[in-house]
Amino acid sequence: MKNLKRGDVYWVNLDPTRGSEIRKTRPCILVGATPINKARRTVVVVPISSSGVPRPPLAVPVNCFGKQALAVCDQIRAIDKTRLVRRAESLGKADLAELDKNLRQVLSL
């Protein structure tokens, strides 16, 4: 996979997991810098959930697959690229900016 751009949404196989980690194959947003995504064997992602209540900065509403979903910011993780199943779409600029703002809060940046 060569074109791994920041803000792209990929289906990602998150299993196996432990404890309270989000599991199964689900969409995730690439949040790492595009040059780093290309250079490394891992990428940093934020999983997306189709259920739950928005609770910024932990669960942020984003438009994905034509409907509102939640980017689960406190589940940010680095994954090996072999977990990427297929590209689905790209997040809009406004949603990506909102995600960035909330990630800064979660990570105390």
PDB file of N, CA and C in Angstrom:
ATOM      1  N   MET A   1       0.850  -1.184   0.000  1.00  0.00           N
ATOM      2  CA  MET A   1       0.000   0.000   0.000  1.00  0.00           C
ATOM      3  C   MET A   1       0.885   1.233   0.000  1.00  0.00           C
ATOM      4  N   LYS A   2       0.730   2.029  -1.043  1.00  0.00           N
ATOM      5  CA  LYS A   2       1.627   3.161  -1.217  1.00  0.00           C
ATOM      6  C   LYS A   2       0.991   4.496  -0.876  1.00  0.00           C
ATOM      7  N   ASN A   3      -0.248   4.704  -1.247  1.00  0.00           N
ATOM      8  CA  ASN A   3      -0.899   5.995  -1.042  1.00  0.00           C
ATOM      9  C   ASN A   3      -1.664   6.046   0.271  1.00  0.00           C
ATOM     10  N   LEU A   4      -0.959   6.026   1.366  1.00  0.00           N
ATOM     11  CA  LEU A   4      -1.584   6.067   2.690  1.00  0.00           C
ATOM     12  C   LEU A   4      -1.585   7.510   3.173  1.00  0.00           C
ATOM     13  N   LYS A   5      -2.668   8.235   2.856  1.00  0.00           N
ATOM     14  CA  LYS A   5      -2.737   9.660   3.147  1.00  0.00           C
ATOM     15  C   LYS A   5      -3.461   9.927   4.460  1.00  0.00           C
ATOM     16  N   ARG A   6      -2.943  10.922   5.162  1.00  0.00           N
ATOM     17  CA  ARG A   6      -3.582  11.363   6.401  1.00  0.00           C
ATOM     18  C   ARG A   6      -5.030  11.739   6.099  1.00  0.00           C
ATOM     19  N   GLY A   7      -5.957  11.253   6.915  1.00  0.00           N
ATOM     20  CA  GLY A   7      -7.374  11.526   6.716  1.00  0.00           C
ATOM     21  C   GLY A   7      -8.104  10.448   5.940  1.00  0.00           C
ATOM     22  N   ASP A   8      -7.361   9.517   5.335  1.00  0.00           N
ATOM     23  CA  ASP A   8      -8.013   8.397   4.652  1.00  0.00           C
ATOM     24  C   ASP A   8      -8.649   7.459   5.668  1.00  0.00           C
ATOM     25  N   VAL A   9      -9.755   6.861   5.268  1.00  0.00           N
ATOM     26  CA  VAL A   9     -10.441   5.870   6.103  1.00  0.00           C
ATOM     27  C   VAL A   9     -10.206   4.500   5.482  1.00  0.00           C
ATOM     28  N   TYR A  10      -9.698   3.584   6.279  1.00  0.00           N
ATOM     29  CA  TYR A  10      -9.432   2.209   5.842  1.00  0.00           C
ATOM     30  C   TYR A  10     -10.202   1.241   6.725  1.00  0.00           C
ATOM     31  N   TRP A  11     -10.622   0.136   6.137  1.00  0.00           N
ATOM     32  CA  TRP A  11     -11.105  -0.979   6.937  1.00  0.00           C
ATOM     33  C   TRP A  11      -9.874  -1.654   7.527  1.00  0.00           C
ATOM     34  N   VAL A  12      -9.894  -1.877   8.833  1.00  0.00           N
ATOM     35  CA  VAL A  12      -8.726  -2.385   9.546  1.00  0.00           C
ATOM     36  C   VAL A  12      -9.141  -3.570  10.413  1.00  0.00           C
ATOM     37  N   ASN A  13      -8.368  -4.641  10.351  1.00  0.00           N
ATOM     38  CA  ASN A  13      -8.594  -5.802  11.211  1.00  0.00           C
ATOM     39  C   ASN A  13      -7.871  -5.546  12.533  1.00  0.00           C
ATOM     40  N   LEU A  14      -8.625  -5.226  13.574  1.00  0.00           N
ATOM     41  CA  LEU A  14      -8.048  -4.884  14.881  1.00  0.00           C
ATOM     42  C   LEU A  14      -7.876  -6.086  15.804  1.00  0.00           C
ATOM     43  N   ASP A  15      -8.314  -7.266  15.378  1.00  0.00           N
ATOM     44  CA  ASP A  15      -8.165  -8.463  16.217  1.00  0.00           C
ATOM     45  C   ASP A  15      -6.793  -9.074  15.995  1.00  0.00           C
ATOM     46  N   PRO A  16      -6.178  -9.677  17.000  1.00  0.00           N
ATOM     47  CA  PRO A  16      -6.702  -9.845  18.355  1.00  0.00           C
ATOM     48  C   PRO A  16      -6.507  -8.577  19.192  1.00  0.00           C
ATOM     49  N   THR A  17      -7.384  -8.414  20.153  1.00  0.00           N
ATOM     50  CA  THR A  17      -7.308  -7.281  21.065  1.00  0.00           C
ATOM     51  C   THR A  17      -7.256  -7.803  22.491  1.00  0.00           C
ATOM     52  N   ARG A  18      -7.087  -6.890  23.418  1.00  0.00           N
ATOM     53  CA  ARG A  18      -7.096  -7.235  24.838  1.00  0.00           C
ATOM     54  C   ARG A  18      -7.995  -6.263  25.589  1.00  0.00           C
ATOM     55  N   GLY A  19      -8.633  -6.772  26.635  1.00  0.00           N
ATOM     56  CA  GLY A  19      -9.409  -5.922  27.534  1.00  0.00           C
ATOM     57  C   GLY A  19     -10.441  -5.070  26.831  1.00  0.00           C
ATOM     58  N   SER A  20     -10.349  -3.769  27.046  1.00  0.00           N
ATOM     59  CA  SER A  20     -11.352  -2.823  26.554  1.00  0.00           C
ATOM     60  C   SER A  20     -11.016  -2.215  25.201  1.00  0.00           C
ATOM     61  N   GLU A  21     -10.020  -2.745  24.503  1.00  0.00           N
ATOM     62  CA  GLU A  21      -9.679  -2.222  23.183  1.00  0.00           C
ATOM     63  C   GLU A  21     -10.814  -2.496  22.195  1.00  0.00           C
ATOM     64  N   ILE A  22     -11.011  -1.563  21.270  1.00  0.00           N
ATOM     65  CA  ILE A  22     -12.007  -1.772  20.210  1.00  0.00           C
ATOM     66  C   ILE A  22     -11.549  -2.941  19.358  1.00  0.00           C
ATOM     67  N   ARG A  23     -12.485  -3.832  19.048  1.00  0.00           N
ATOM     68  CA  ARG A  23     -12.127  -5.058  18.325  1.00  0.00           C
ATOM     69  C   ARG A  23     -12.830  -5.164  16.995  1.00  0.00           C
ATOM     70  N   LYS A  24     -12.585  -6.217  16.311  1.00  0.00           N
ATOM     71  CA  LYS A  24     -13.100  -6.659  15.015  1.00  0.00           C
ATOM     72  C   LYS A  24     -12.602  -5.799  13.874  1.00  0.00           C
ATOM     73  N   THR A  25     -13.060  -6.077  12.664  1.00  0.00           N
ATOM     74  CA  THR A  25     -12.688  -5.281  11.503  1.00  0.00           C
ATOM     75  C   THR A  25     -13.632  -4.099  11.430  1.00  0.00           C
ATOM     76  N   ARG A  26     -13.051  -2.914  11.425  1.00  0.00           N
ATOM     77  CA  ARG A  26     -13.863  -1.698  11.418  1.00  0.00           C
ATOM     78  C   ARG A  26     -13.107  -0.588  10.711  1.00  0.00           C
ATOM     79  N   PRO A  27     -13.804   0.474  10.323  1.00  0.00           N
ATOM     80  CA  PRO A  27     -13.109   1.587   9.687  1.00  0.00           C
ATOM     81  C   PRO A  27     -12.265   2.346  10.709  1.00  0.00           C
ATOM     82  N   CYS A  28     -11.119   2.823  10.237  1.00  0.00           N
ATOM     83  CA  CYS A  28     -10.223   3.629  11.055  1.00  0.00           C
ATOM     84  C   CYS A  28      -9.686   4.769  10.195  1.00  0.00           C
ATOM     85  N   ILE A  29      -9.410   5.891  10.837  1.00  0.00           N
ATOM     86  CA  ILE A  29      -8.879   7.068  10.159  1.00  0.00           C
ATOM     87  C   ILE A  29      -7.365   7.097  10.336  1.00  0.00           C
ATOM     88  N   LEU A  30      -6.642   7.263   9.231  1.00  0.00           N
ATOM     89  CA  LEU A  30      -5.195   7.441   9.323  1.00  0.00           C
ATOM     90  C   LEU A  30      -4.931   8.849   9.835  1.00  0.00           C
ATOM     91  N   VAL A  31      -4.232   8.979  10.964  1.00  0.00           N
ATOM     92  CA  VAL A  31      -3.988  10.297  11.542  1.00  0.00           C
ATOM     93  C   VAL A  31      -2.506  10.666  11.556  1.00  0.00           C
ATOM     94  N   GLY A  32      -1.642   9.743  11.160  1.00  0.00           N
ATOM     95  CA  GLY A  32      -0.218  10.051  11.076  1.00  0.00           C
ATOM     96  C   GLY A  32       0.075  10.882   9.830  1.00  0.00           C
ATOM     97  N   ALA A  33       1.215  11.564   9.855  1.00  0.00           N
ATOM     98  CA  ALA A  33       1.634  12.377   8.705  1.00  0.00           C
ATOM     99  C   ALA A  33       1.844  11.485   7.484  1.00  0.00           C
ATOM    100  N   THR A  34       1.401  11.949   6.322  1.00  0.00           N
ATOM    101  CA  THR A  34       1.493  11.168   5.089  1.00  0.00           C
ATOM    102  C   THR A  34       2.913  10.689   4.788  1.00  0.00           C
ATOM    103  N   PRO A  35       3.962  11.541   4.903  1.00  0.00           N
ATOM    104  CA  PRO A  35       5.322  11.034   4.635  1.00  0.00           C
ATOM    105  C   PRO A  35       5.736   9.904   5.581  1.00  0.00           C
ATOM    106  N   ILE A  36       5.310   9.974   6.831  1.00  0.00           N
ATOM    107  CA  ILE A  36       5.630   8.912   7.792  1.00  0.00           C
ATOM    108  C   ILE A  36       4.852   7.649   7.447  1.00  0.00           C
ATOM    109  N   ASN A  37       3.594   7.806   7.024  1.00  0.00           N
ATOM    110  CA  ASN A  37       2.795   6.647   6.609  1.00  0.00           C
ATOM    111  C   ASN A  37       3.479   5.885   5.491  1.00  0.00           C
ATOM    112  N   LYS A  38       4.108   6.617   4.576  1.00  0.00           N
ATOM    113  CA  LYS A  38       4.773   5.978   3.444  1.00  0.00           C
ATOM    114  C   LYS A  38       6.088   5.318   3.860  1.00  0.00           C
ATOM    115  N   ALA A  39       6.793   5.916   4.817  1.00  0.00           N
ATOM    116  CA  ALA A  39       8.134   5.467   5.175  1.00  0.00           C
ATOM    117  C   ALA A  39       8.158   4.305   6.165  1.00  0.00           C
ATOM    118  N   ARG A  40       7.183   4.223   7.037  1.00  0.00           N
ATOM    119  CA  ARG A  40       7.198   3.231   8.112  1.00  0.00           C
ATOM    120  C   ARG A  40       6.356   2.014   7.768  1.00  0.00           C
ATOM    121  N   ARG A  41       6.545   0.932   8.516  1.00  0.00           N
ATOM    122  CA  ARG A  41       5.730  -0.274   8.329  1.00  0.00           C
ATOM    123  C   ARG A  41       4.483  -0.241   9.200  1.00  0.00           C
ATOM    124  N   THR A  42       4.357   0.829   9.989  1.00  0.00           N
ATOM    125  CA  THR A  42       3.177   1.007  10.828  1.00  0.00           C
ATOM    126  C   THR A  42       2.514   2.338  10.476  1.00  0.00           C
ATOM    127  N   VAL A  43       1.237   2.447  10.842  1.00  0.00           N
ATOM    128  CA  VAL A  43       0.495   3.697  10.693  1.00  0.00           C
ATOM    129  C   VAL A  43      -0.269   3.937  11.991  1.00  0.00           C
ATOM    130  N   VAL A  44      -0.564   5.205  12.266  1.00  0.00           N
ATOM    131  CA  VAL A  44      -1.332   5.564  13.452  1.00  0.00           C
ATOM    132  C   VAL A  44      -2.768   5.809  13.025  1.00  0.00           C
ATOM    133  N   VAL A  45      -3.698   5.150  13.728  1.00  0.00           N
ATOM    134  CA  VAL A  45      -5.111   5.226  13.353  1.00  0.00           C
ATOM    135  C   VAL A  45      -5.988   5.543  14.559  1.00  0.00           C
ATOM    136  N   VAL A  46      -7.170   6.071  14.246  1.00  0.00           N
ATOM    137  CA  VAL A  46      -8.238   6.249  15.229  1.00  0.00           C
ATOM    138  C   VAL A  46      -9.428   5.443  14.725  1.00  0.00           C
ATOM    139  N   PRO A  47      -9.900   4.468  15.516  1.00  0.00           N
ATOM    140  CA  PRO A  47     -11.052   3.669  15.100  1.00  0.00           C
ATOM    141  C   PRO A  47     -12.340   4.489  15.034  1.00  0.00           C
ATOM    142  N   ILE A  48     -13.256   4.036  14.190  1.00  0.00           N
ATOM    143  CA  ILE A  48     -14.573   4.656  14.045  1.00  0.00           C
ATOM    144  C   ILE A  48     -15.622   3.666  14.540  1.00  0.00           C
ATOM    145  N   SER A  49     -16.583   4.195  15.288  1.00  0.00           N
ATOM    146  CA  SER A  49     -17.693   3.382  15.776  1.00  0.00           C
ATOM    147  C   SER A  49     -18.997   3.919  15.201  1.00  0.00           C
ATOM    148  N   SER A  50     -19.910   3.015  14.890  1.00  0.00           N
ATOM    149  CA  SER A  50     -21.211   3.442  14.357  1.00  0.00           C
ATOM    150  C   SER A  50     -22.239   3.628  15.462  1.00  0.00           C
ATOM    151  N   SER A  51     -21.871   3.306  16.691  1.00  0.00           N
ATOM    152  CA  SER A  51     -22.820   3.451  17.795  1.00  0.00           C
ATOM    153  C   SER A  51     -22.189   4.263  18.918  1.00  0.00           C
ATOM    154  N   GLY A  52     -23.023   4.700  19.824  1.00  0.00           N
ATOM    155  CA  GLY A  52     -22.566   5.479  20.962  1.00  0.00           C
ATOM    156  C   GLY A  52     -23.023   6.922  20.861  1.00  0.00           C
ATOM    157  N   VAL A  53     -22.640   7.677  21.875  1.00  0.00           N
ATOM    158  CA  VAL A  53     -23.031   9.076  21.989  1.00  0.00           C
ATOM    159  C   VAL A  53     -21.779   9.934  21.871  1.00  0.00           C
ATOM    160  N   PRO A  54     -21.830  11.031  21.099  1.00  0.00           N
ATOM    161  CA  PRO A  54     -20.664  11.900  21.035  1.00  0.00           C
ATOM    162  C   PRO A  54     -20.280  12.416  22.427  1.00  0.00           C
ATOM    163  N   ARG A  55     -19.011  12.272  22.758  1.00  0.00           N
ATOM    164  CA  ARG A  55     -18.482  12.752  24.037  1.00  0.00           C
ATOM    165  C   ARG A  55     -17.090  13.332  23.807  1.00  0.00           C
ATOM    166  N   PRO A  56     -17.041  14.499  23.130  1.00  0.00           N
ATOM    167  CA  PRO A  56     -15.731  15.099  22.878  1.00  0.00           C
ATOM    168  C   PRO A  56     -14.992  15.350  24.205  1.00  0.00           C
ATOM    169  N   PRO A  57     -13.707  15.175  24.276  1.00  0.00           N
ATOM    170  CA  PRO A  57     -12.805  14.863  23.184  1.00  0.00           C
ATOM    171  C   PRO A  57     -12.609  13.365  22.941  1.00  0.00           C
ATOM    172  N   LEU A  58     -13.304  12.509  23.689  1.00  0.00           N
ATOM    173  CA  LEU A  58     -13.086  11.063  23.563  1.00  0.00           C
ATOM    174  C   LEU A  58     -13.765  10.458  22.347  1.00  0.00           C
ATOM    175  N   ALA A  59     -15.008  10.799  22.100  1.00  0.00           N
ATOM    176  CA  ALA A  59     -15.776  10.275  20.962  1.00  0.00           C
ATOM    177  C   ALA A  59     -16.308  11.466  20.174  1.00  0.00           C
ATOM    178  N   VAL A  60     -15.748  11.667  18.981  1.00  0.00           N
ATOM    179  CA  VAL A  60     -16.003  12.862  18.188  1.00  0.00           C
ATOM    180  C   VAL A  60     -16.844  12.505  16.959  1.00  0.00           C
ATOM    181  N   PRO A  61     -17.939  13.229  16.717  1.00  0.00           N
ATOM    182  CA  PRO A  61     -18.737  12.930  15.524  1.00  0.00           C
ATOM    183  C   PRO A  61     -17.988  13.281  14.236  1.00  0.00           C
ATOM    184  N   VAL A  62     -18.051  12.352  13.278  1.00  0.00           N
ATOM    185  CA  VAL A  62     -17.486  12.559  11.942  1.00  0.00           C
ATOM    186  C   VAL A  62     -18.468  12.012  10.919  1.00  0.00           C
ATOM    187  N   ASN A  63     -18.406  12.546   9.707  1.00  0.00           N
ATOM    188  CA  ASN A  63     -19.241  12.036   8.618  1.00  0.00           C
ATOM    189  C   ASN A  63     -18.459  10.954   7.897  1.00  0.00           C
ATOM    190  N   CYS A  64     -19.022   9.753   7.903  1.00  0.00           N
ATOM    191  CA  CYS A  64     -18.356   8.622   7.284  1.00  0.00           C
ATOM    192  C   CYS A  64     -19.418   7.710   6.673  1.00  0.00           C
ATOM    193  N   PHE A  65     -19.213   7.296   5.434  1.00  0.00           N
ATOM    194  CA  PHE A  65     -20.164   6.446   4.726  1.00  0.00           C
ATOM    195  C   PHE A  65     -21.542   7.091   4.619  1.00  0.00           C
ATOM    196  N   GLY A  66     -21.561   8.422   4.503  1.00  0.00           N
ATOM    197  CA  GLY A  66     -22.809   9.145   4.314  1.00  0.00           C
ATOM    198  C   GLY A  66     -23.655   9.309   5.559  1.00  0.00           C
ATOM    199  N   LYS A  67     -23.098   9.025   6.729  1.00  0.00           N
ATOM    200  CA  LYS A  67     -23.847   9.205   7.975  1.00  0.00           C
ATOM    201  C   LYS A  67     -22.895   9.580   9.098  1.00  0.00           C
ATOM    202  N   GLN A  68     -23.477   9.976  10.216  1.00  0.00           N
ATOM    203  CA  GLN A  68     -22.643  10.343  11.361  1.00  0.00           C
ATOM    204  C   GLN A  68     -22.122   9.096  12.068  1.00  0.00           C
ATOM    205  N   ALA A  69     -20.856   9.118  12.370  1.00  0.00           N
ATOM    206  CA  ALA A  69     -20.211   8.047  13.137  1.00  0.00           C
ATOM    207  C   ALA A  69     -19.357   8.728  14.204  1.00  0.00           C
ATOM    208  N   LEU A  70     -18.674   7.927  15.007  1.00  0.00           N
ATOM    209  CA  LEU A  70     -17.837   8.476  16.073  1.00  0.00           C
ATOM    210  C   LEU A  70     -16.394   8.047  15.899  1.00  0.00           C
ATOM    211  N   ALA A  71     -15.495   9.016  15.871  1.00  0.00           N
ATOM    212  CA  ALA A  71     -14.067   8.732  15.928  1.00  0.00           C
ATOM    213  C   ALA A  71     -13.719   8.595  17.401  1.00  0.00           C
ATOM    214  N   VAL A  72     -13.210   7.432  17.787  1.00  0.00           N
ATOM    215  CA  VAL A  72     -12.954   7.133  19.202  1.00  0.00           C
ATOM    216  C   VAL A  72     -11.494   7.498  19.514  1.00  0.00           C
ATOM    217  N   CYS A  73     -11.296   8.754  19.899  1.00  0.00           N
ATOM    218  CA  CYS A  73      -9.953   9.322  20.034  1.00  0.00           C
ATOM    219  C   CYS A  73      -9.112   8.673  21.118  1.00  0.00           C
ATOM    220  N   ASP A  74      -9.726   8.178  22.166  1.00  0.00           N
ATOM    221  CA  ASP A  74      -8.922   7.555  23.223  1.00  0.00           C
ATOM    222  C   ASP A  74      -8.487   6.131  22.869  1.00  0.00           C
ATOM    223  N   GLN A  75      -8.855   5.661  21.679  1.00  0.00           N
ATOM    224  CA  GLN A  75      -8.419   4.342  21.203  1.00  0.00           C
ATOM    225  C   GLN A  75      -7.361   4.470  20.104  1.00  0.00           C
ATOM    226  N   ILE A  76      -6.723   5.641  19.993  1.00  0.00           N
ATOM    227  CA  ILE A  76      -5.674   5.861  18.999  1.00  0.00           C
ATOM    228  C   ILE A  76      -4.587   4.804  19.187  1.00  0.00           C
ATOM    229  N   ARG A  77      -4.070   4.290  18.080  1.00  0.00           N
ATOM    230  CA  ARG A  77      -3.017   3.268  18.173  1.00  0.00           C
ATOM    231  C   ARG A  77      -2.209   3.169  16.896  1.00  0.00           C
ATOM    232  N   ALA A  78      -1.009   2.651  17.052  1.00  0.00           N
ATOM    233  CA  ALA A  78      -0.168   2.327  15.907  1.00  0.00           C
ATOM    234  C   ALA A  78      -0.458   0.881  15.532  1.00  0.00           C
ATOM    235  N   ILE A  79      -0.622   0.640  14.243  1.00  0.00           N
ATOM    236  CA  ILE A  79      -0.878  -0.720  13.760  1.00  0.00           C
ATOM    237  C   ILE A  79       0.083  -1.037  12.620  1.00  0.00           C
ATOM    238  N   ASP A  80       0.367  -2.298  12.434  1.00  0.00           N
ATOM    239  CA  ASP A  80       1.149  -2.740  11.289  1.00  0.00           C
ATOM    240  C   ASP A  80       0.285  -2.602  10.036  1.00  0.00           C
ATOM    241  N   LYS A  81       0.908  -2.238   8.927  1.00  0.00           N
ATOM    242  CA  LYS A  81       0.155  -2.056   7.678  1.00  0.00           C
ATOM    243  C   LYS A  81      -0.532  -3.333   7.210  1.00  0.00           C
ATOM    244  N   THR A  82      -0.085  -4.491   7.670  1.00  0.00           N
ATOM    245  CA  THR A  82      -0.750  -5.737   7.272  1.00  0.00           C
ATOM    246  C   THR A  82      -2.168  -5.825   7.825  1.00  0.00           C
ATOM    247  N   ARG A  83      -2.510  -4.993   8.806  1.00  0.00           N
ATOM    248  CA  ARG A  83      -3.877  -4.968   9.349  1.00  0.00           C
ATOM    249  C   ARG A  83      -4.838  -4.203   8.435  1.00  0.00           C
ATOM    250  N   LEU A  84      -4.317  -3.398   7.516  1.00  0.00           N
ATOM    251  CA  LEU A  84      -5.172  -2.631   6.597  1.00  0.00           C
ATOM    252  C   LEU A  84      -5.805  -3.580   5.585  1.00  0.00           C
ATOM    253  N   VAL A  85      -7.135  -3.578   5.525  1.00  0.00           N
ATOM    254  CA  VAL A  85      -7.860  -4.466   4.613  1.00  0.00           C
ATOM    255  C   VAL A  85      -8.071  -3.780   3.272  1.00  0.00           C
ATOM    256  N   ARG A  86      -8.705  -2.598   3.273  1.00  0.00           N
ATOM    257  CA  ARG A  86      -8.925  -1.844   2.030  1.00  0.00           C
ATOM    258  C   ARG A  86      -9.313  -0.412   2.375  1.00  0.00           C
ATOM    259  N   ARG A  87      -9.021   0.476   1.430  1.00  0.00           N
ATOM    260  CA  ARG A  87      -9.387   1.883   1.595  1.00  0.00           C
ATOM    261  C   ARG A  87     -10.882   2.029   1.371  1.00  0.00           C
ATOM    262  N   ALA A  88     -11.516   2.882   2.178  1.00  0.00           N
ATOM    263  CA  ALA A  88     -12.948   3.098   2.059  1.00  0.00           C
ATOM    264  C   ALA A  88     -13.271   4.481   1.501  1.00  0.00           C
ATOM    265  N   GLU A  89     -12.678   5.522   2.057  1.00  0.00           N
ATOM    266  CA  GLU A  89     -12.953   6.897   1.650  1.00  0.00           C
ATOM    267  C   GLU A  89     -11.981   7.811   2.360  1.00  0.00           C
ATOM    268  N   SER A  90     -12.192   9.119   2.237  1.00  0.00           N
ATOM    269  CA  SER A  90     -11.395  10.102   2.958  1.00  0.00           C
ATOM    270  C   SER A  90     -12.308  10.952   3.824  1.00  0.00           C
ATOM    271  N   LEU A  91     -11.814  11.334   4.973  1.00  0.00           N
ATOM    272  CA  LEU A  91     -12.554  12.222   5.866  1.00  0.00           C
ATOM    273  C   LEU A  91     -12.533  13.628   5.269  1.00  0.00           C
ATOM    274  N   GLY A  92     -13.616  14.373   5.445  1.00  0.00           N
ATOM    275  CA  GLY A  92     -13.649  15.760   4.989  1.00  0.00           C
ATOM    276  C   GLY A  92     -12.708  16.638   5.803  1.00  0.00           C
ATOM    277  N   LYS A  93     -12.313  17.780   5.231  1.00  0.00           N
ATOM    278  CA  LYS A  93     -11.358  18.667   5.910  1.00  0.00           C
ATOM    279  C   LYS A  93     -11.882  19.177   7.247  1.00  0.00           C
ATOM    280  N   ALA A  94     -13.158  19.521   7.322  1.00  0.00           N
ATOM    281  CA  ALA A  94     -13.724  20.028   8.576  1.00  0.00           C
ATOM    282  C   ALA A  94     -13.712  18.943   9.653  1.00  0.00           C
ATOM    283  N   ASP A  95     -14.075  17.720   9.265  1.00  0.00           N
ATOM    284  CA  ASP A  95     -14.058  16.613  10.231  1.00  0.00           C
ATOM    285  C   ASP A  95     -12.638  16.307  10.697  1.00  0.00           C
ATOM    286  N   LEU A  96     -11.676  16.358   9.768  1.00  0.00           N
ATOM    287  CA  LEU A  96     -10.291  16.096  10.135  1.00  0.00           C
ATOM    288  C   LEU A  96      -9.769  17.180  11.077  1.00  0.00           C
ATOM    289  N   ALA A  97     -10.133  18.431  10.841  1.00  0.00           N
ATOM    290  CA  ALA A  97      -9.716  19.524  11.731  1.00  0.00           C
ATOM    291  C   ALA A  97     -10.310  19.345  13.125  1.00  0.00           C
ATOM    292  N   GLU A  98     -11.572  18.937  13.193  1.00  0.00           N
ATOM    293  CA  GLU A  98     -12.224  18.704  14.488  1.00  0.00           C
ATOM    294  C   GLU A  98     -11.572  17.515  15.202  1.00  0.00           C
ATOM    295  N   LEU A  99     -11.262  16.483  14.451  1.00  0.00           N
ATOM    296  CA  LEU A  99     -10.575  15.321  15.021  1.00  0.00           C
ATOM    297  C   LEU A  99      -9.221  15.742  15.589  1.00  0.00           C
ATOM    298  N   ASP A 100      -8.468  16.543  14.836  1.00  0.00           N
ATOM    299  CA  ASP A 100      -7.166  17.039  15.308  1.00  0.00           C
ATOM    300  C   ASP A 100      -7.299  17.781  16.633  1.00  0.00           C
ATOM    301  N   LYS A 101      -8.285  18.669  16.705  1.00  0.00           N
ATOM    302  CA  LYS A 101      -8.498  19.468  17.920  1.00  0.00           C
ATOM    303  C   LYS A 101      -8.732  18.554  19.126  1.00  0.00           C
ATOM    304  N   ASN A 102      -9.543  17.526  18.935  1.00  0.00           N
ATOM    305  CA  ASN A 102      -9.862  16.628  20.038  1.00  0.00           C
ATOM    306  C   ASN A 102      -8.713  15.698  20.381  1.00  0.00           C
ATOM    307  N   LEU A 103      -7.938  15.269  19.372  1.00  0.00           N
ATOM    308  CA  LEU A 103      -6.762  14.451  19.645  1.00  0.00           C
ATOM    309  C   LEU A 103      -5.739  15.227  20.468  1.00  0.00           C
ATOM    310  N   ARG A 104      -5.594  16.527  20.191  1.00  0.00           N
ATOM    311  CA  ARG A 104      -4.673  17.344  20.982  1.00  0.00           C
ATOM    312  C   ARG A 104      -5.087  17.347  22.450  1.00  0.00           C
ATOM    313  N   GLN A 105      -6.394  17.384  22.716  1.00  0.00           N
ATOM    314  CA  GLN A 105      -6.874  17.349  24.101  1.00  0.00           C
ATOM    315  C   GLN A 105      -6.599  15.990  24.740  1.00  0.00           C
ATOM    316  N   VAL A 106      -6.933  14.926  24.016  1.00  0.00           N
ATOM    317  CA  VAL A 106      -6.739  13.573  24.560  1.00  0.00           C
ATOM    318  C   VAL A 106      -5.268  13.306  24.859  1.00  0.00           C
ATOM    319  N   LEU A 107      -4.388  13.812  23.983  1.00  0.00           N
ATOM    320  CA  LEU A 107      -2.955  13.555  24.128  1.00  0.00           C
ATOM    321  C   LEU A 107      -2.222  14.659  24.887  1.00  0.00           C
ATOM    322  N   SER A 108      -2.940  15.669  25.379  1.00  0.00           N
ATOM    323  CA  SER A 108      -2.354  16.806  26.100  1.00  0.00           C
ATOM    324  C   SER A 108      -1.252  17.488  25.304  1.00  0.00           C
ATOM    325  N   LEU A 109      -1.526  17.767  24.039  1.00  0.00           N
ATOM    326  CA  LEU A 109      -0.534  18.440  23.178  1.00  0.00           C
ATOM    327  C   LEU A 109      -0.791  19.929  23.097  1.00  0.00           C
TER     328      LEU A 109
END
